Amino acid sequence: MKNFSQILLFSFVLLIVFLVFYYCISCGFRAFIITSGSMQPALKPGYLVITKPQTRYYVGQIIVYHFKPKPFLNEQKDQLIIVSHRVHSLHAIQEEPIYITKGDSNFQEDLNHVKQSQIIGKIWLSFPLVGFLLAWIYERLGFYPLIVLPAFLIIIIQLLKSLKDS
C-alpha cells in the first residue's frame, strides 16, 4: 500500500509539473540562458530567464529580442541572434514603436533598433546559476552522468535485490 501511495503522489506531482509547463508554453512564456555579461549586475551569465510576451514595452524593462546580423564571410545567413537588453528609449515611426536598447554594462546604445515584431517578451522571472546546470544537462557530457548513470545504478540495485531474494 505504501508503494501505491508513493507512485500516486509521484504521478500527481508529474501531472502538476506537466500542466504548469503546458500553461506556460501555451501563454507564450519562453526560457533563455544568459550567456554574456552585457546586463550585469542585473543579469549575470548563467541566469535562466523566463520571458512573458506583452503588447507594449516600456523604458526600463528588460526585453528579449532577436535580429538577423548582417552576414560576414563565414556566417550563416538565416542565423538569429537572441539578445536580452534594457529598453533605453522609445520612438515611433509611422505609429509603430521602435525600441532603443542598451546593456546595463555597455557604454552606448545598441546599433540595432528593435521593432515590436522582433521582441520575444519581457523578462518575467530569473533564476541565478540554473542556466549553467541546464546548459550542462543539454550537452552530451551532462546527459550521461545525470540520466544514464542513475538509470544504470537503478538497474544494478534491482538486479542485486532480485539475486538476494532468490
N, C-alpha and C. Protein backbone atom coordinates (compact mmCIF):
# COMPACT_ATOMS: atom_id res chain seq x y z
N MET A 1 0.82 -1.20 0.00
CA MET A 1 0.00 0.00 0.00
C MET A 1 0.86 1.26 0.00
N LYS A 2 1.99 1.17 0.71
CA LYS A 2 2.89 2.33 0.78
C LYS A 2 3.45 2.66 -0.60
N ASN A 3 3.83 1.62 -1.37
CA ASN A 3 4.36 1.83 -2.72
C ASN A 3 3.32 2.47 -3.63
N PHE A 4 2.06 2.01 -3.49
CA PHE A 4 0.99 2.57 -4.32
C PHE A 4 0.79 4.06 -4.03
N SER A 5 0.80 4.44 -2.77
CA SER A 5 0.62 5.86 -2.41
C SER A 5 1.80 6.70 -2.89
N GLN A 6 3.00 6.15 -2.85
CA GLN A 6 4.17 6.88 -3.35
C GLN A 6 4.08 7.05 -4.86
N ILE A 7 3.67 6.02 -5.56
CA ILE A 7 3.51 6.10 -7.02
C ILE A 7 2.42 7.09 -7.38
N LEU A 8 1.32 7.07 -6.63
CA LEU A 8 0.22 8.01 -6.87
C LEU A 8 0.67 9.45 -6.63
N LEU A 9 1.41 9.68 -5.56
CA LEU A 9 1.92 11.03 -5.25
C LEU A 9 2.89 11.50 -6.34
N PHE A 10 3.80 10.62 -6.74
CA PHE A 10 4.76 10.95 -7.79
C PHE A 10 4.05 11.27 -9.10
N SER A 11 3.03 10.47 -9.45
CA SER A 11 2.26 10.72 -10.67
C SER A 11 1.53 12.05 -10.61
N PHE A 12 0.98 12.37 -9.44
CA PHE A 12 0.28 13.64 -9.26
C PHE A 12 1.24 14.82 -9.42
N VAL A 13 2.42 14.72 -8.84
CA VAL A 13 3.42 15.79 -8.96
C VAL A 13 3.84 15.95 -10.43
N LEU A 14 4.07 14.85 -11.14
CA LEU A 14 4.42 14.92 -12.55
C LEU A 14 3.30 15.56 -13.37
N LEU A 15 2.06 15.24 -13.05
CA LEU A 15 0.93 15.83 -13.75
C LEU A 15 0.87 17.34 -13.51
N ILE A 16 1.08 17.77 -12.30
CA ILE A 16 1.08 19.21 -11.98
C ILE A 16 2.20 19.91 -12.73
N VAL A 17 3.39 19.34 -12.73
CA VAL A 17 4.53 19.94 -13.44
C VAL A 17 4.21 20.03 -14.93
N PHE A 18 3.66 18.97 -15.50
CA PHE A 18 3.30 18.99 -16.92
C PHE A 18 2.27 20.08 -17.21
N LEU A 19 1.24 20.19 -16.37
CA LEU A 19 0.21 21.20 -16.58
C LEU A 19 0.77 22.63 -16.48
N VAL A 20 1.68 22.85 -15.55
CA VAL A 20 2.30 24.17 -15.42
C VAL A 20 3.12 24.48 -16.67
N PHE A 21 3.92 23.54 -17.15
CA PHE A 21 4.71 23.76 -18.36
C PHE A 21 3.80 23.97 -19.57
N TYR A 22 2.74 23.19 -19.68
CA TYR A 22 1.81 23.34 -20.79
C TYR A 22 1.17 24.73 -20.78
N TYR A 23 0.75 25.17 -19.61
CA TYR A 23 0.14 26.50 -19.48
C TYR A 23 1.14 27.59 -19.89
N CYS A 24 2.36 27.48 -19.39
CA CYS A 24 3.38 28.49 -19.70
C CYS A 24 3.68 28.53 -21.20
N ILE A 25 3.81 27.39 -21.82
CA ILE A 25 4.10 27.34 -23.25
C ILE A 25 2.93 27.88 -24.06
N SER A 26 1.71 27.51 -23.67
CA SER A 26 0.54 27.97 -24.42
C SER A 26 0.32 29.47 -24.27
N CYS A 27 0.79 30.07 -23.18
CA CYS A 27 0.65 31.51 -22.98
C CYS A 27 1.83 32.30 -23.55
N GLY A 28 2.78 31.62 -24.18
CA GLY A 28 3.88 32.30 -24.83
C GLY A 28 5.11 32.50 -23.97
N PHE A 29 5.14 31.95 -22.77
CA PHE A 29 6.33 32.06 -21.93
C PHE A 29 7.46 31.26 -22.58
N ARG A 30 8.67 31.79 -22.52
CA ARG A 30 9.83 31.08 -23.06
C ARG A 30 11.00 31.23 -22.10
N ALA A 31 11.92 30.30 -22.16
CA ALA A 31 13.08 30.31 -21.28
C ALA A 31 14.35 30.51 -22.09
N PHE A 32 15.28 31.28 -21.53
CA PHE A 32 16.57 31.54 -22.16
C PHE A 32 17.66 31.53 -21.10
N ILE A 33 18.87 31.22 -21.54
CA ILE A 33 20.03 31.24 -20.65
C ILE A 33 20.88 32.45 -21.01
N ILE A 34 21.22 33.25 -20.02
CA ILE A 34 22.07 34.42 -20.23
C ILE A 34 23.51 33.92 -20.41
N THR A 35 24.14 34.33 -21.52
CA THR A 35 25.50 33.85 -21.81
C THR A 35 26.55 34.95 -21.81
N SER A 36 26.13 36.20 -21.78
CA SER A 36 27.14 37.27 -21.79
C SER A 36 26.97 38.15 -20.56
N GLY A 37 27.91 39.02 -20.35
CA GLY A 37 27.88 39.90 -19.18
C GLY A 37 27.35 41.29 -19.48
N SER A 38 26.69 41.48 -20.62
CA SER A 38 26.26 42.82 -21.01
C SER A 38 25.16 43.39 -20.12
N MET A 39 24.48 42.56 -19.36
CA MET A 39 23.41 43.04 -18.49
C MET A 39 23.78 42.99 -17.01
N GLN A 40 25.05 42.84 -16.70
CA GLN A 40 25.46 42.83 -15.30
C GLN A 40 25.32 44.23 -14.71
N PRO A 41 24.96 44.38 -13.49
CA PRO A 41 24.75 43.38 -12.44
C PRO A 41 23.35 42.79 -12.40
N ALA A 42 22.41 43.28 -13.20
CA ALA A 42 21.02 42.79 -13.14
C ALA A 42 20.93 41.32 -13.51
N LEU A 43 21.56 40.92 -14.61
CA LEU A 43 21.56 39.54 -15.08
C LEU A 43 22.99 39.12 -15.38
N LYS A 44 23.42 38.09 -14.71
CA LYS A 44 24.79 37.60 -14.91
C LYS A 44 24.77 36.35 -15.77
N PRO A 45 25.90 36.02 -16.39
CA PRO A 45 25.95 34.77 -17.16
C PRO A 45 25.56 33.59 -16.28
N GLY A 46 24.78 32.68 -16.86
CA GLY A 46 24.32 31.51 -16.13
C GLY A 46 22.92 31.65 -15.57
N TYR A 47 22.34 32.84 -15.66
CA TYR A 47 20.95 33.01 -15.21
C TYR A 47 20.02 32.34 -16.22
N LEU A 48 18.98 31.71 -15.71
CA LEU A 48 17.87 31.24 -16.54
C LEU A 48 16.79 32.31 -16.41
N VAL A 49 16.33 32.83 -17.55
CA VAL A 49 15.29 33.85 -17.53
C VAL A 49 14.05 33.32 -18.24
N ILE A 50 12.90 33.68 -17.71
CA ILE A 50 11.62 33.33 -18.30
C ILE A 50 11.02 34.62 -18.85
N THR A 51 10.62 34.60 -20.11
CA THR A 51 10.05 35.79 -20.73
C THR A 51 8.54 35.65 -20.83
N LYS A 52 7.89 36.79 -20.76
CA LYS A 52 6.44 36.86 -20.90
C LYS A 52 6.12 37.86 -22.00
N PRO A 53 5.39 37.44 -23.04
CA PRO A 53 5.06 38.38 -24.11
C PRO A 53 4.05 39.44 -23.64
N GLN A 54 4.19 40.64 -24.17
CA GLN A 54 3.28 41.74 -23.87
C GLN A 54 2.93 42.45 -25.17
N THR A 55 1.92 43.29 -25.12
CA THR A 55 1.55 44.05 -26.32
C THR A 55 2.36 45.33 -26.42
N ARG A 56 2.92 45.79 -25.32
CA ARG A 56 3.71 47.03 -25.31
C ARG A 56 4.80 46.92 -24.25
N TYR A 57 5.92 47.55 -24.53
CA TYR A 57 7.05 47.52 -23.61
C TYR A 57 7.44 48.97 -23.28
N TYR A 58 8.06 49.14 -22.12
CA TYR A 58 8.33 50.48 -21.62
C TYR A 58 9.80 50.66 -21.27
N VAL A 59 10.22 51.91 -21.21
CA VAL A 59 11.60 52.26 -20.84
C VAL A 59 11.88 51.67 -19.45
N GLY A 60 13.02 51.03 -19.33
CA GLY A 60 13.42 50.43 -18.06
C GLY A 60 13.19 48.93 -17.99
N GLN A 61 12.30 48.39 -18.83
CA GLN A 61 12.06 46.95 -18.82
C GLN A 61 13.18 46.23 -19.56
N ILE A 62 13.51 45.03 -19.09
CA ILE A 62 14.48 44.19 -19.80
C ILE A 62 13.69 43.29 -20.74
N ILE A 63 14.03 43.37 -22.02
CA ILE A 63 13.33 42.58 -23.03
C ILE A 63 14.30 41.59 -23.68
N VAL A 64 13.72 40.56 -24.26
CA VAL A 64 14.48 39.59 -25.06
C VAL A 64 13.97 39.73 -26.48
N TYR A 65 14.90 39.94 -27.41
CA TYR A 65 14.51 40.11 -28.81
C TYR A 65 15.50 39.39 -29.70
N HIS A 66 15.13 39.25 -30.97
CA HIS A 66 16.01 38.59 -31.93
C HIS A 66 16.24 39.53 -33.11
N PHE A 67 17.36 39.32 -33.76
CA PHE A 67 17.65 40.03 -35.01
C PHE A 67 18.59 39.19 -35.85
N LYS A 68 18.56 39.46 -37.14
CA LYS A 68 19.49 38.80 -38.07
C LYS A 68 20.67 39.72 -38.27
N PRO A 69 21.87 39.24 -37.95
CA PRO A 69 23.04 40.09 -38.18
C PRO A 69 23.35 40.21 -39.67
N LYS A 70 24.03 41.26 -40.01
CA LYS A 70 24.48 41.39 -41.40
C LYS A 70 25.52 40.31 -41.64
N PRO A 71 25.36 39.54 -42.71
CA PRO A 71 26.26 38.40 -42.91
C PRO A 71 27.70 38.83 -43.21
N PHE A 72 28.62 38.16 -42.54
CA PHE A 72 30.03 38.32 -42.84
C PHE A 72 30.45 37.13 -43.68
N LEU A 73 31.71 36.91 -43.85
CA LEU A 73 32.18 35.87 -44.77
C LEU A 73 31.69 34.47 -44.43
N ASN A 74 31.88 34.02 -43.19
CA ASN A 74 31.60 32.62 -42.87
C ASN A 74 30.34 32.43 -42.02
N GLU A 75 29.47 33.42 -41.93
CA GLU A 75 28.28 33.28 -41.10
C GLU A 75 27.11 32.71 -41.91
N GLN A 76 26.23 32.02 -41.20
CA GLN A 76 25.01 31.52 -41.82
C GLN A 76 24.06 32.69 -42.04
N LYS A 77 23.39 32.70 -43.16
CA LYS A 77 22.50 33.82 -43.49
C LYS A 77 21.24 33.84 -42.64
N ASP A 78 20.74 32.69 -42.23
CA ASP A 78 19.47 32.63 -41.51
C ASP A 78 19.64 32.59 -39.99
N GLN A 79 20.83 32.79 -39.50
CA GLN A 79 21.09 32.72 -38.07
C GLN A 79 20.46 33.91 -37.35
N LEU A 80 19.70 33.63 -36.29
CA LEU A 80 19.12 34.68 -35.46
C LEU A 80 19.95 34.85 -34.20
N ILE A 81 20.17 36.08 -33.81
CA ILE A 81 20.85 36.39 -32.56
C ILE A 81 19.77 36.77 -31.55
N ILE A 82 19.83 36.17 -30.36
CA ILE A 82 18.90 36.48 -29.28
C ILE A 82 19.63 37.39 -28.29
N VAL A 83 19.00 38.50 -27.92
CA VAL A 83 19.63 39.48 -27.04
C VAL A 83 18.68 39.82 -25.89
N SER A 84 19.24 39.96 -24.71
CA SER A 84 18.49 40.43 -23.53
C SER A 84 19.08 41.76 -23.12
N HIS A 85 18.37 42.86 -23.38
CA HIS A 85 18.83 44.20 -23.02
C HIS A 85 17.67 45.02 -22.50
N ARG A 86 18.01 46.11 -21.83
CA ARG A 86 17.02 47.00 -21.25
C ARG A 86 16.56 48.03 -22.29
N VAL A 87 15.26 48.34 -22.27
CA VAL A 87 14.74 49.40 -23.15
C VAL A 87 15.27 50.72 -22.61
N HIS A 88 16.05 51.41 -23.43
CA HIS A 88 16.69 52.66 -23.03
C HIS A 88 15.86 53.87 -23.45
N SER A 89 15.26 53.77 -24.62
CA SER A 89 14.35 54.83 -25.07
C SER A 89 13.39 54.24 -26.09
N LEU A 90 12.37 55.02 -26.41
CA LEU A 90 11.29 54.54 -27.25
C LEU A 90 10.93 55.63 -28.25
N HIS A 91 10.80 55.24 -29.52
CA HIS A 91 10.41 56.17 -30.58
C HIS A 91 9.28 55.52 -31.37
N ALA A 92 8.64 56.29 -32.20
CA ALA A 92 7.60 55.75 -33.08
C ALA A 92 7.86 56.20 -34.50
N ILE A 93 7.79 55.25 -35.41
CA ILE A 93 7.89 55.55 -36.85
C ILE A 93 6.60 55.05 -37.48
N GLN A 94 5.83 55.96 -38.02
CA GLN A 94 4.51 55.65 -38.60
C GLN A 94 3.67 54.85 -37.61
N GLU A 95 3.62 55.31 -36.40
CA GLU A 95 2.84 54.74 -35.30
C GLU A 95 3.31 53.37 -34.85
N GLU A 96 4.40 52.87 -35.39
CA GLU A 96 4.97 51.61 -34.91
C GLU A 96 6.07 51.93 -33.91
N PRO A 97 6.01 51.34 -32.71
CA PRO A 97 7.06 51.63 -31.73
C PRO A 97 8.40 51.04 -32.15
N ILE A 98 9.44 51.82 -31.96
CA ILE A 98 10.82 51.39 -32.19
C ILE A 98 11.53 51.52 -30.85
N TYR A 99 12.12 50.42 -30.40
CA TYR A 99 12.77 50.39 -29.09
C TYR A 99 14.27 50.50 -29.27
N ILE A 100 14.87 51.41 -28.51
CA ILE A 100 16.32 51.55 -28.46
C ILE A 100 16.76 50.85 -27.18
N THR A 101 17.65 49.88 -27.31
CA THR A 101 18.06 49.08 -26.15
C THR A 101 19.53 49.31 -25.82
N LYS A 102 19.88 48.90 -24.62
CA LYS A 102 21.27 49.04 -24.16
C LYS A 102 21.50 48.04 -23.04
N GLY A 103 22.63 47.37 -23.09
CA GLY A 103 23.02 46.52 -21.99
C GLY A 103 23.45 47.38 -20.81
N ASP A 104 23.13 46.94 -19.60
CA ASP A 104 23.46 47.74 -18.42
C ASP A 104 24.95 48.02 -18.28
N SER A 105 25.78 47.09 -18.69
CA SER A 105 27.23 47.31 -18.56
C SER A 105 27.86 47.81 -19.86
N ASN A 106 27.06 48.09 -20.87
CA ASN A 106 27.59 48.65 -22.12
C ASN A 106 27.63 50.17 -22.01
N PHE A 107 28.55 50.79 -22.74
CA PHE A 107 28.70 52.24 -22.67
C PHE A 107 27.77 52.98 -23.62
N GLN A 108 27.33 52.31 -24.69
CA GLN A 108 26.45 53.00 -25.63
C GLN A 108 25.26 52.13 -26.01
N GLU A 109 24.26 52.76 -26.59
CA GLU A 109 23.06 52.06 -27.02
C GLU A 109 23.40 51.07 -28.13
N ASP A 110 22.53 50.06 -28.29
CA ASP A 110 22.71 49.08 -29.35
C ASP A 110 22.48 49.74 -30.71
N LEU A 111 23.21 49.31 -31.70
CA LEU A 111 23.05 49.84 -33.05
C LEU A 111 21.76 49.37 -33.71
N ASN A 112 21.31 48.18 -33.32
CA ASN A 112 20.08 47.62 -33.89
C ASN A 112 18.88 48.19 -33.16
N HIS A 113 18.04 48.92 -33.85
CA HIS A 113 16.80 49.40 -33.26
C HIS A 113 15.77 48.29 -33.39
N VAL A 114 15.01 48.05 -32.34
CA VAL A 114 14.17 46.87 -32.25
C VAL A 114 12.71 47.21 -32.55
N LYS A 115 12.13 46.46 -33.49
CA LYS A 115 10.71 46.60 -33.81
C LYS A 115 9.90 45.69 -32.88
N GLN A 116 8.63 46.00 -32.76
CA GLN A 116 7.73 45.20 -31.92
C GLN A 116 7.74 43.73 -32.35
N SER A 117 7.81 43.48 -33.65
CA SER A 117 7.76 42.11 -34.17
C SER A 117 9.01 41.29 -33.81
N GLN A 118 10.08 41.95 -33.42
CA GLN A 118 11.31 41.24 -33.05
C GLN A 118 11.34 40.84 -31.58
N ILE A 119 10.46 41.39 -30.78
CA ILE A 119 10.52 41.16 -29.34
C ILE A 119 9.83 39.84 -28.98
N ILE A 120 10.54 39.04 -28.22
CA ILE A 120 10.02 37.76 -27.75
C ILE A 120 9.21 37.98 -26.47
N GLY A 121 9.69 38.86 -25.61
CA GLY A 121 8.96 39.16 -24.37
C GLY A 121 9.84 39.92 -23.40
N LYS A 122 9.23 40.33 -22.31
CA LYS A 122 9.99 40.98 -21.24
C LYS A 122 10.39 39.91 -20.23
N ILE A 123 11.47 40.16 -19.53
CA ILE A 123 11.92 39.18 -18.55
C ILE A 123 10.96 39.23 -17.36
N TRP A 124 10.38 38.09 -17.08
CA TRP A 124 9.37 37.98 -16.04
C TRP A 124 9.97 37.40 -14.77
N LEU A 125 10.80 36.35 -14.90
CA LEU A 125 11.47 35.72 -13.77
C LEU A 125 12.91 35.42 -14.16
N SER A 126 13.78 35.39 -13.16
CA SER A 126 15.17 34.98 -13.42
C SER A 126 15.65 34.11 -12.26
N PHE A 127 16.46 33.12 -12.61
CA PHE A 127 16.97 32.17 -11.63
C PHE A 127 18.49 32.09 -11.77
N PRO A 128 19.24 32.58 -10.76
CA PRO A 128 20.70 32.56 -10.84
C PRO A 128 21.24 31.14 -10.94
N LEU A 129 22.26 30.96 -11.78
CA LEU A 129 23.04 29.74 -11.94
C LEU A 129 22.28 28.54 -12.52
N VAL A 130 20.97 28.59 -12.59
CA VAL A 130 20.20 27.47 -13.13
C VAL A 130 20.53 27.26 -14.60
N GLY A 131 20.82 28.33 -15.31
CA GLY A 131 21.17 28.22 -16.72
C GLY A 131 22.42 27.39 -16.95
N PHE A 132 23.41 27.53 -16.06
CA PHE A 132 24.62 26.71 -16.18
C PHE A 132 24.27 25.23 -16.07
N LEU A 133 23.41 24.89 -15.09
CA LEU A 133 23.01 23.50 -14.90
C LEU A 133 22.26 22.97 -16.12
N LEU A 134 21.31 23.75 -16.64
CA LEU A 134 20.56 23.30 -17.80
C LEU A 134 21.43 23.18 -19.04
N ALA A 135 22.35 24.09 -19.22
CA ALA A 135 23.27 24.00 -20.37
C ALA A 135 24.13 22.75 -20.25
N TRP A 136 24.57 22.44 -19.05
CA TRP A 136 25.39 21.25 -18.82
C TRP A 136 24.58 19.98 -19.11
N ILE A 137 23.32 19.95 -18.67
CA ILE A 137 22.47 18.79 -18.92
C ILE A 137 22.22 18.64 -20.42
N TYR A 138 22.02 19.74 -21.10
CA TYR A 138 21.71 19.72 -22.53
C TYR A 138 22.86 19.16 -23.35
N GLU A 139 24.07 19.43 -22.91
CA GLU A 139 25.24 18.89 -23.61
C GLU A 139 25.32 17.39 -23.38
N ARG A 140 25.95 16.71 -24.29
CA ARG A 140 26.07 15.25 -24.19
C ARG A 140 26.84 14.85 -22.93
N LEU A 141 27.83 15.63 -22.55
CA LEU A 141 28.61 15.29 -21.35
C LEU A 141 27.77 15.35 -20.09
N GLY A 142 26.79 16.23 -20.03
CA GLY A 142 25.93 16.33 -18.87
C GLY A 142 24.83 15.28 -18.88
N PHE A 143 24.44 14.83 -20.05
CA PHE A 143 23.36 13.85 -20.17
C PHE A 143 23.75 12.53 -19.52
N TYR A 144 24.96 12.07 -19.75
CA TYR A 144 25.37 10.76 -19.25
C TYR A 144 25.39 10.68 -17.72
N PRO A 145 26.07 11.61 -17.04
CA PRO A 145 26.08 11.47 -15.58
C PRO A 145 24.72 11.73 -14.94
N LEU A 146 23.88 12.52 -15.56
CA LEU A 146 22.62 12.87 -14.94
C LEU A 146 21.50 11.88 -15.26
N ILE A 147 21.51 11.28 -16.42
CA ILE A 147 20.42 10.38 -16.83
C ILE A 147 20.90 8.93 -16.90
N VAL A 148 21.94 8.69 -17.64
CA VAL A 148 22.38 7.31 -17.88
C VAL A 148 22.96 6.67 -16.62
N LEU A 149 23.79 7.38 -15.88
CA LEU A 149 24.41 6.81 -14.69
C LEU A 149 23.37 6.45 -13.62
N PRO A 150 22.44 7.34 -13.26
CA PRO A 150 21.41 6.92 -12.29
C PRO A 150 20.55 5.76 -12.79
N ALA A 151 20.22 5.75 -14.08
CA ALA A 151 19.43 4.64 -14.63
C ALA A 151 20.21 3.33 -14.51
N PHE A 152 21.49 3.38 -14.82
CA PHE A 152 22.35 2.20 -14.71
C PHE A 152 22.43 1.73 -13.25
N LEU A 153 22.55 2.68 -12.32
CA LEU A 153 22.61 2.31 -10.89
C LEU A 153 21.30 1.69 -10.42
N ILE A 154 20.18 2.20 -10.88
CA ILE A 154 18.89 1.62 -10.50
C ILE A 154 18.78 0.19 -11.01
N ILE A 155 19.22 -0.04 -12.23
CA ILE A 155 19.18 -1.40 -12.80
C ILE A 155 20.06 -2.34 -11.99
N ILE A 156 21.27 -1.89 -11.64
CA ILE A 156 22.20 -2.73 -10.84
C ILE A 156 21.59 -3.04 -9.47
N ILE A 157 21.02 -2.02 -8.82
CA ILE A 157 20.42 -2.23 -7.49
C ILE A 157 19.27 -3.22 -7.58
N GLN A 158 18.42 -3.10 -8.60
CA GLN A 158 17.30 -4.03 -8.76
C GLN A 158 17.79 -5.45 -9.04
N LEU A 159 18.83 -5.57 -9.84
CA LEU A 159 19.40 -6.90 -10.11
C LEU A 159 19.96 -7.51 -8.83
N LEU A 160 20.67 -6.71 -8.03
CA LEU A 160 21.22 -7.22 -6.78
C LEU A 160 20.11 -7.63 -5.81
N LYS A 161 19.04 -6.86 -5.76
CA LYS A 161 17.89 -7.21 -4.90
C LYS A 161 17.25 -8.52 -5.34
N SER A 162 17.09 -8.68 -6.65
CA SER A 162 16.45 -9.91 -7.15
C SER A 162 17.35 -11.11 -6.92
N LEU A 163 18.67 -10.94 -7.05
CA LEU A 163 19.59 -12.05 -6.76
C LEU A 163 19.59 -12.40 -5.27
N LYS A 164 19.48 -11.39 -4.43
CA LYS A 164 19.48 -11.60 -2.99
C LYS A 164 18.19 -12.31 -2.54
N ASP A 165 17.05 -11.97 -3.18
CA ASP A 165 15.77 -12.57 -2.84
C ASP A 165 15.67 -14.01 -3.29
N SER A 166 16.40 -14.39 -4.35
CA SER A 166 16.26 -15.75 -4.87
C SER A 166 17.26 -16.71 -4.28
